[in-house]
Amino acid sequence: MSGRNIRRMISALGVVAVTVGFTLAAGDVASADQGEVSWKEGNTKLTRTISNVNPHVNERVTTKTKIERTGGVVMYLREFTDITPTCWEVLSAKVNGESYSHGTTAGAAQVRGGAIQWPIRGLVSKNSRTIEFTYRVTDSCKRTDTVDTGVTYDTSLGKGGNKTKGPKVTVVKDPTTTEFGDVPDGVQVGHSVPLTANVTNGAQQIVSGDVVEFYDGTTKIGEAPVGRGSHYWTGTAVLDWTPETDGAHSLSAVYVETSRVARSESSKRTVQISPAPDAETRTVVTGPSSVQTGAEVNLEAQVSPTPEGGIVQFRDGDTDLGIPVPVDADGKANITYTFDSAGTYDITAVYSGAPGYVGSTAQPIRVTVTDNDGDGGTDDGGNTDGGGTGSAGNIFGS
């Protein structure tokens, strides 16, 4: 292989290496949304690059404008002005990598050189000048508004530039993250439980009063304002939730976007809700303390709290008195009963229970039954106490 071919191969490999290196660098820059425009003004070519055209608040952005001559006489750059959003704060300026002092007005940063300080040649000893400014994006920037950028310059050959040539820039909404908080164990249907969402703003402080929505699957179950957390960029929203059904519930939280802040959604958290325990009941039976044989008496049971359904069976010891009686809307059940023989009877009432209610048995009351002598005396009519419901000592319950 000739020396010329070897040199050609080395040169080609060099081009490949440079291309690969540029691709990797471009990939890195692309993640920051770099923007670039080029244009010519006569024999002057300008290439303007902005490191990130979609920055967040507090991020730093660098603009670079390369000025070169494609022909003609030497041109001396004397003044250069960088046009950016008025809400960007200029931090530094450089010309060909060397730091320079800068002047600022609203939306413009400027550097100045001497009459022959910055020559730009296009033929003999061809060179260029790269003017670089670094800015901080301030909180006064409106989010999602697209703003033009550009440059103006003054040279020994006259003035030039374009204030809106670009690249265009847009300050994006503050990024946020939302994390769903822990849920206590043992949550039951009908019992309130606090749900929490912890929010972090990646750029600025949390605004108290912003809203977090809480979801069970795709169903919104409520919303709550964000309160400031232990750090100015964190916040917490709390919602008291009362589940209505048992089983697995997929819960999540969404930080609602505003004109300044981006939406974010937590991961889903599966929470197991237990059925509500059946309510305990208390049954009390009432009736006369004494009665004569053959006389009808009323026996009544009261179930508390008032259940929704169920039956009551009245009993004498272990012997049923009649058939079970439904509990009415007031939690009461009663029967009319006739005792056929004299003696003492321990009367109780057994509530069966119902969905959501536990059954219960009343403490017994004692009823004394005497024979009806049929003489129309004080025993006539059966009830020796005038048909009352018994003394206070006869009213018991469990």
Protein backbone atom coordinates (compact mmCIF):
# COMPACT_ATOMS: atom_id res chain seq x y z
CA MET A 1 0.00 0.00 0.00
CA SER A 2 1.40 3.40 -0.99
CA GLY A 3 2.13 6.12 1.54
CA ARG A 4 -0.60 8.27 -0.02
CA ASN A 5 -3.22 5.51 0.50
CA ILE A 6 -2.09 5.00 4.09
CA ARG A 7 -2.50 8.71 4.74
CA ARG A 8 -5.96 8.60 3.15
CA MET A 9 -6.95 5.65 5.39
CA ILE A 10 -5.71 7.44 8.51
CA SER A 11 -7.57 10.55 7.46
CA ALA A 12 -10.77 8.57 6.91
CA LEU A 13 -10.44 6.88 10.29
CA GLY A 14 -9.95 10.29 11.83
CA VAL A 15 -13.20 11.48 10.26
CA VAL A 16 -15.03 8.41 11.58
CA ALA A 17 -13.62 8.97 15.05
CA VAL A 18 -14.65 12.60 15.03
CA THR A 19 -18.12 11.67 13.78
CA VAL A 20 -18.61 9.08 16.55
CA GLY A 21 -17.39 11.54 19.14
CA PHE A 22 -19.81 14.17 17.85
CA THR A 23 -22.71 11.69 17.94
CA LEU A 24 -22.09 10.91 21.60
CA ALA A 25 -21.78 14.55 22.45
CA ALA A 26 -24.91 15.37 20.49
CA GLY A 27 -26.77 12.68 22.42
CA ASP A 28 -25.71 14.29 25.68
CA VAL A 29 -26.74 17.74 24.50
CA ALA A 30 -30.03 16.51 23.05
CA SER A 31 -31.15 15.48 26.52
CA ALA A 32 -31.01 19.19 27.42
CA ASP A 33 -32.97 20.26 24.30
CA GLN A 34 -30.17 22.21 22.64
CA GLY A 35 -31.16 24.56 19.84
CA GLU A 36 -29.08 25.94 16.96
CA VAL A 37 -29.59 28.29 13.99
CA SER A 38 -27.21 29.57 11.29
CA TRP A 39 -27.52 32.41 8.82
CA LYS A 40 -25.40 34.63 6.58
CA GLU A 41 -25.27 38.38 6.26
CA GLY A 42 -23.10 39.11 3.22
CA ASN A 43 -19.69 37.57 3.83
CA THR A 44 -20.47 37.13 7.53
CA LYS A 45 -21.81 33.82 8.83
CA LEU A 46 -23.36 33.47 12.29
CA THR A 47 -24.05 30.21 14.11
CA ARG A 48 -26.02 30.60 17.31
CA THR A 49 -26.49 27.80 19.85
CA ILE A 50 -28.54 27.73 23.05
CA SER A 51 -27.69 24.90 25.45
CA ASN A 52 -31.30 24.34 26.49
CA VAL A 53 -34.30 25.87 24.76
CA ASN A 54 -36.76 24.32 27.25
CA PRO A 55 -35.24 25.15 30.63
CA HIS A 56 -36.78 25.04 34.08
CA VAL A 57 -36.63 27.83 36.62
CA ASN A 58 -33.22 28.12 38.34
CA GLU A 59 -31.44 26.21 35.60
CA ARG A 60 -28.44 27.73 33.84
CA VAL A 61 -28.51 28.30 30.11
CA THR A 62 -25.57 29.19 27.88
CA THR A 63 -25.83 30.95 24.52
CA LYS A 64 -22.94 30.80 22.04
CA THR A 65 -22.76 32.80 18.82
CA LYS A 66 -19.91 32.05 16.43
CA ILE A 67 -19.13 34.83 13.94
CA GLU A 68 -16.89 34.07 10.96
CA ARG A 69 -16.08 35.54 7.57
CA THR A 70 -16.54 33.55 4.37
CA GLY A 71 -14.58 36.08 2.31
CA GLY A 72 -13.87 39.76 1.89
CA VAL A 73 -11.78 42.06 4.01
CA VAL A 74 -11.04 41.72 7.69
CA MET A 75 -13.89 42.81 9.97
CA TYR A 76 -13.35 44.15 13.50
CA LEU A 77 -16.06 43.22 16.00
CA ARG A 78 -16.55 46.14 18.37
CA GLU A 79 -19.84 45.42 20.15
CA PHE A 80 -22.08 42.39 20.50
CA THR A 81 -25.56 42.19 22.12
CA ASP A 82 -27.29 38.93 23.04
CA ILE A 83 -31.11 39.07 23.01
CA THR A 84 -32.85 36.70 25.46
CA PRO A 85 -36.02 36.65 27.64
CA THR A 86 -36.16 39.58 30.06
CA CYS A 87 -36.54 37.15 32.97
CA TRP A 88 -33.09 35.59 32.38
CA GLU A 89 -30.35 36.83 34.68
CA VAL A 90 -26.94 37.10 33.00
CA LEU A 91 -24.13 35.58 35.06
CA SER A 92 -21.05 35.76 32.85
CA ALA A 93 -19.71 36.61 29.39
CA LYS A 94 -16.81 35.22 27.37
CA VAL A 95 -15.23 35.91 23.99
CA ASN A 96 -13.32 32.98 22.55
CA GLY A 97 -13.30 31.41 26.02
CA GLU A 98 -11.89 34.48 27.76
CA SER A 99 -14.03 36.16 30.41
CA TYR A 100 -15.15 39.73 29.79
CA SER A 101 -17.20 42.23 31.71
CA HIS A 102 -20.68 42.70 30.39
CA GLY A 103 -23.44 45.23 30.40
CA THR A 104 -27.10 44.40 30.76
CA THR A 105 -30.46 45.87 29.94
CA ALA A 106 -33.85 44.15 30.10
CA GLY A 107 -33.59 41.13 27.83
CA ALA A 108 -30.10 41.96 26.54
CA ALA A 109 -26.50 41.32 27.56
CA GLN A 110 -23.62 43.09 25.87
CA VAL A 111 -19.84 42.97 25.51
CA ARG A 112 -17.63 45.64 23.92
CA GLY A 113 -14.15 45.47 22.44
CA GLY A 114 -11.65 48.03 21.22
CA ALA A 115 -11.50 49.33 17.68
CA ILE A 116 -9.17 46.56 16.55
CA GLN A 117 -9.40 44.17 19.51
CA TRP A 118 -11.46 41.43 17.87
CA PRO A 119 -10.51 41.02 14.20
CA ILE A 120 -12.35 38.43 12.13
CA ARG A 121 -10.59 37.36 8.94
CA GLY A 122 -12.02 35.35 6.10
CA LEU A 123 -8.98 34.88 3.89
CA VAL A 124 -5.43 35.19 5.24
CA SER A 125 -5.14 33.76 8.79
CA LYS A 126 -8.84 32.95 8.76
CA ASN A 127 -10.38 33.04 12.23
CA SER A 128 -13.68 33.49 14.08
CA ARG A 129 -15.08 34.91 17.32
CA THR A 130 -17.43 33.04 19.64
CA ILE A 131 -19.37 35.16 22.11
CA GLU A 132 -20.78 33.22 25.05
CA PHE A 133 -23.20 34.24 27.79
CA THR A 134 -24.41 32.19 30.74
CA TYR A 135 -27.79 32.95 32.33
CA ARG A 136 -29.92 31.80 35.23
CA VAL A 137 -33.64 31.30 34.54
CA THR A 138 -35.51 33.23 37.24
CA ASP A 139 -38.86 32.55 38.83
CA SER A 140 -40.37 35.63 37.18
CA CYS A 141 -40.46 33.80 33.84
CA LYS A 142 -43.87 32.86 32.53
CA ARG A 143 -44.10 29.15 31.96
CA THR A 144 -44.89 27.72 28.50
CA ASP A 145 -44.60 31.11 26.75
CA THR A 146 -42.41 30.86 23.63
CA VAL A 147 -39.94 33.76 23.35
CA ASP A 148 -37.75 34.86 20.42
CA THR A 149 -34.00 35.30 20.86
CA GLY A 150 -31.34 36.76 18.63
CA VAL A 151 -28.31 39.04 18.39
CA THR A 152 -27.16 42.44 17.17
CA TYR A 153 -23.58 43.53 16.58
CA ASP A 154 -21.51 46.53 15.54
CA THR A 155 -18.33 46.13 13.44
CA SER A 156 -15.87 48.13 11.41
CA LEU A 157 -17.98 47.25 8.37
CA GLY A 158 -21.30 48.31 9.88
CA LYS A 159 -24.08 46.92 12.03
CA GLY A 160 -25.86 43.60 11.66
CA GLY A 161 -27.76 40.89 13.39
CA ASN A 162 -31.33 39.73 13.87
CA LYS A 163 -33.20 40.12 17.16
CA THR A 164 -35.63 37.26 16.48
CA LYS A 165 -33.53 34.82 14.48
CA GLY A 166 -33.60 32.27 17.29
CA PRO A 167 -33.50 29.71 18.54
CA LYS A 168 -36.84 30.22 20.25
CA VAL A 169 -36.97 29.34 23.94
CA THR A 170 -39.76 28.22 26.28
CA VAL A 171 -39.47 28.09 30.05
CA VAL A 172 -41.32 24.92 31.00
CA LYS A 173 -43.42 24.32 34.08
CA ASP A 174 -41.71 23.38 37.31
CA PRO A 175 -41.27 19.61 37.54
CA THR A 176 -42.91 17.85 40.46
CA THR A 177 -43.02 14.39 41.96
CA THR A 178 -45.87 12.96 43.99
CA GLU A 179 -45.52 10.04 46.39
CA PHE A 180 -48.46 8.29 48.01
CA GLY A 181 -48.02 7.97 51.76
CA ASP A 182 -48.39 4.87 53.92
CA VAL A 183 -51.90 3.74 54.88
CA PRO A 184 -52.51 2.25 58.36
CA ASP A 185 -53.23 -1.46 58.58
CA GLY A 186 -56.62 -2.81 59.50
CA VAL A 187 -58.78 -0.26 57.68
CA GLN A 188 -62.47 -1.23 57.82
CA VAL A 189 -65.51 -0.27 55.79
CA GLY A 190 -67.22 2.76 57.27
CA HIS A 191 -64.19 3.86 59.27
CA SER A 192 -62.29 7.03 58.28
CA VAL A 193 -58.61 6.76 57.39
CA PRO A 194 -56.18 9.59 56.48
CA LEU A 195 -54.63 9.40 53.00
CA THR A 196 -51.47 11.45 52.43
CA ALA A 197 -49.57 12.60 49.36
CA ASN A 198 -46.07 14.05 49.60
CA VAL A 199 -45.19 16.47 46.82
CA THR A 200 -41.76 17.75 45.79
CA ASN A 201 -41.20 20.67 43.42
CA GLY A 202 -37.96 20.20 41.56
CA ALA A 203 -37.45 23.89 40.78
CA GLN A 204 -39.21 26.17 43.23
CA GLN A 205 -41.05 26.26 46.50
CA ILE A 206 -44.36 24.52 46.92
CA VAL A 207 -47.31 26.88 46.75
CA SER A 208 -49.64 26.29 49.69
CA GLY A 209 -53.17 25.79 48.44
CA ASP A 210 -52.26 23.91 45.29
CA VAL A 211 -54.43 20.82 44.96
CA VAL A 212 -53.84 17.08 45.12
CA GLU A 213 -56.56 14.75 43.86
CA PHE A 214 -56.93 11.27 45.34
CA TYR A 215 -58.18 8.31 43.30
CA ASP A 216 -59.47 4.81 43.97
CA GLY A 217 -58.72 3.17 40.65
CA THR A 218 -60.07 5.68 38.12
CA THR A 219 -62.66 7.12 40.51
CA LYS A 220 -61.82 10.41 42.19
CA ILE A 221 -62.57 10.08 45.90
CA GLY A 222 -61.66 13.62 46.91
CA GLU A 223 -59.06 16.37 46.87
CA ALA A 224 -57.06 18.29 49.43
CA PRO A 225 -54.88 21.42 49.49
CA VAL A 226 -51.13 21.13 49.77
CA GLY A 227 -49.58 22.40 52.97
CA ARG A 228 -45.94 23.46 53.20
CA GLY A 229 -43.61 20.71 54.35
CA SER A 230 -40.40 20.71 56.37
CA HIS A 231 -38.53 22.18 53.38
CA TYR A 232 -39.77 24.98 51.15
CA TRP A 233 -39.81 22.72 48.09
CA THR A 234 -41.91 19.99 49.73
CA GLY A 235 -45.55 19.79 50.74
CA THR A 236 -48.17 17.36 52.00
CA ALA A 237 -51.87 16.94 51.29
CA VAL A 238 -54.12 14.92 53.61
CA LEU A 239 -57.59 13.54 52.81
CA ASP A 240 -59.84 11.73 55.29
CA TRP A 241 -61.37 8.85 53.36
CA THR A 242 -64.16 6.53 54.48
CA PRO A 243 -64.23 3.38 52.32
CA GLU A 244 -67.67 2.06 51.50
CA THR A 245 -66.72 -1.39 50.20
CA ASP A 246 -64.29 -4.03 51.36
CA GLY A 247 -61.60 -5.76 49.32
CA ALA A 248 -58.54 -4.47 47.47
CA HIS A 249 -58.48 -0.77 46.56
CA SER A 250 -55.88 0.70 44.19
CA LEU A 251 -55.16 4.18 45.54
CA SER A 252 -53.13 6.99 43.95
CA ALA A 253 -52.65 10.75 44.12
CA VAL A 254 -52.29 13.40 41.40
CA TYR A 255 -50.73 16.83 41.89
CA VAL A 256 -52.88 19.10 39.74
CA GLU A 257 -50.93 21.29 37.33
CA THR A 258 -51.14 25.06 37.48
CA SER A 259 -49.87 27.83 35.23
CA ARG A 260 -46.44 27.37 36.85
CA VAL A 261 -46.26 23.77 38.01
CA ALA A 262 -46.41 20.51 36.05
CA ARG A 263 -48.74 17.64 36.86
CA SER A 264 -47.36 14.55 38.55
CA GLU A 265 -48.95 11.27 39.58
CA SER A 266 -47.91 8.85 42.29
CA SER A 267 -47.55 5.15 41.79
CA LYS A 268 -50.57 3.09 42.80
CA ARG A 269 -50.79 1.62 46.28
CA THR A 270 -53.02 -1.39 46.88
CA VAL A 271 -54.83 -1.27 50.22
CA GLN A 272 -56.91 -4.11 51.63
CA ILE A 273 -60.15 -2.92 53.27
CA SER A 274 -61.80 -5.26 55.77
CA PRO A 275 -65.57 -5.62 56.15
CA ALA A 276 -67.06 -3.59 58.97
CA PRO A 277 -67.66 -5.69 62.10
CA ASP A 278 -71.28 -6.49 62.90
CA ALA A 279 -72.80 -4.12 65.43
CA GLU A 280 -73.43 -5.50 68.92
CA THR A 281 -77.09 -5.47 69.95
CA ARG A 282 -78.93 -5.46 73.27
CA THR A 283 -82.38 -7.02 73.70
CA VAL A 284 -84.73 -6.16 76.57
CA VAL A 285 -87.98 -8.06 77.23
CA THR A 286 -90.92 -6.58 79.16
CA GLY A 287 -94.21 -8.01 80.44
CA PRO A 288 -96.40 -8.30 83.57
CA SER A 289 -94.91 -9.60 86.80
CA SER A 290 -98.06 -11.56 87.63
CA VAL A 291 -101.06 -12.79 85.72
CA GLN A 292 -103.96 -15.21 86.05
CA THR A 293 -104.38 -18.28 83.98
CA GLY A 294 -106.41 -17.82 80.83
CA ALA A 295 -105.76 -14.10 80.58
CA GLU A 296 -104.04 -12.67 77.49
CA VAL A 297 -100.86 -10.75 78.22
CA ASN A 298 -98.54 -8.76 76.00
CA LEU A 299 -94.84 -9.61 75.85
CA GLU A 300 -92.55 -7.13 74.08
CA ALA A 301 -88.88 -7.11 73.10
CA GLN A 302 -86.83 -4.01 72.26
CA VAL A 303 -83.61 -4.43 70.23
CA SER A 304 -81.00 -1.67 70.35
CA PRO A 305 -79.50 -0.17 68.27
CA THR A 306 -82.41 -0.47 65.90
CA PRO A 307 -81.40 -3.18 63.39
CA GLU A 308 -82.47 -3.58 59.82
CA GLY A 309 -84.41 -6.82 59.98
CA GLY A 310 -84.21 -9.97 62.04
CA ILE A 311 -86.69 -11.90 64.21
CA VAL A 312 -87.32 -12.40 67.90
CA GLN A 313 -88.28 -15.71 69.49
CA PHE A 314 -89.99 -15.43 72.90
CA ARG A 315 -89.26 -18.31 75.26
CA ASP A 316 -90.13 -19.75 78.60
CA GLY A 317 -86.77 -21.19 79.56
CA ASP A 318 -85.98 -23.47 76.65
CA THR A 319 -89.58 -23.66 75.42
CA ASP A 320 -90.63 -21.45 72.51
CA LEU A 321 -93.70 -19.33 73.03
CA GLY A 322 -95.38 -19.22 69.65
CA ILE A 323 -93.54 -18.55 66.42
CA PRO A 324 -90.71 -16.01 65.80
CA VAL A 325 -91.84 -12.41 65.36
CA PRO A 326 -90.23 -9.91 62.90
CA VAL A 327 -88.55 -6.84 64.35
CA ASP A 328 -90.32 -3.68 63.22
CA ALA A 329 -88.80 -0.37 62.09
CA ASP A 330 -88.50 0.76 65.71
CA GLY A 331 -86.57 -2.35 66.76
CA LYS A 332 -89.59 -3.84 68.56
CA ALA A 333 -91.29 -7.23 68.50
CA ASN A 334 -94.24 -8.41 70.57
CA ILE A 335 -96.68 -11.26 71.05
CA THR A 336 -99.96 -11.82 72.90
CA TYR A 337 -99.75 -14.96 75.04
CA THR A 338 -102.06 -16.85 77.41
CA PHE A 339 -100.70 -18.91 80.28
CA ASP A 340 -102.81 -22.03 80.87
CA SER A 341 -101.43 -23.17 84.20
CA ALA A 342 -100.30 -21.56 87.43
CA GLY A 343 -96.66 -21.31 88.32
CA THR A 344 -93.60 -19.15 87.74
CA TYR A 345 -92.25 -18.61 84.26
CA ASP A 346 -88.86 -17.18 83.26
CA ILE A 347 -89.62 -15.33 80.03
CA THR A 348 -86.85 -14.22 77.70
CA ALA A 349 -86.49 -13.03 74.08
CA VAL A 350 -83.84 -14.13 71.59
CA TYR A 351 -82.95 -11.79 68.71
CA SER A 352 -81.67 -13.68 65.67
CA GLY A 353 -79.37 -10.99 64.32
CA ALA A 354 -79.34 -9.50 60.78
CA PRO A 355 -76.76 -8.39 58.20
CA GLY A 356 -74.46 -6.04 60.07
CA TYR A 357 -75.99 -6.85 63.48
CA VAL A 358 -75.11 -9.50 66.02
CA GLY A 359 -77.89 -11.48 67.73
CA SER A 360 -78.57 -11.10 71.45
CA THR A 361 -80.64 -12.65 74.22
CA ALA A 362 -82.55 -10.69 76.83
CA GLN A 363 -82.18 -11.28 80.52
CA PRO A 364 -85.30 -13.20 81.64
CA ILE A 365 -88.15 -11.66 83.55
CA ARG A 366 -90.19 -13.77 86.02
CA VAL A 367 -93.92 -13.93 85.56
CA THR A 368 -96.02 -15.46 88.34
CA VAL A 369 -99.24 -17.08 87.12
CA THR A 370 -102.06 -17.86 89.52
CA ASP A 371 -105.25 -19.83 88.99
CA ASN A 372 -108.33 -17.86 88.08
CA ASP A 373 -110.84 -18.73 90.89
CA GLY A 374 -113.75 -17.45 88.82
CA ASP A 375 -115.43 -15.55 91.70
CA GLY A 376 -115.04 -12.17 90.15
CA GLY A 377 -112.89 -11.06 93.04
CA THR A 378 -109.57 -9.38 92.94
CA ASP A 379 -108.27 -12.21 90.81
CA ASP A 380 -111.01 -11.72 88.21
CA GLY A 381 -109.55 -10.38 84.99
CA GLY A 382 -106.29 -12.25 85.51
CA ASN A 383 -103.69 -9.54 86.13
CA THR A 384 -103.20 -8.84 89.81
CA ASP A 385 -101.37 -5.61 89.18
CA GLY A 386 -104.11 -4.06 87.07
CA GLY A 387 -102.71 -4.98 83.66
CA GLY A 388 -99.40 -3.14 84.01
CA THR A 389 -96.11 -4.26 82.54
CA GLY A 390 -94.54 -5.30 85.80
CA SER A 391 -92.29 -3.66 88.31
CA ALA A 392 -89.03 -2.01 87.34
CA GLY A 393 -87.25 -5.05 88.57
CA ASN A 394 -88.81 -7.09 85.77
CA ILE A 395 -87.09 -5.17 82.96
CA PHE A 396 -83.72 -6.62 82.06
CA GLY A 397 -81.58 -6.89 79.00
CA SER A 398 -78.24 -7.90 77.66
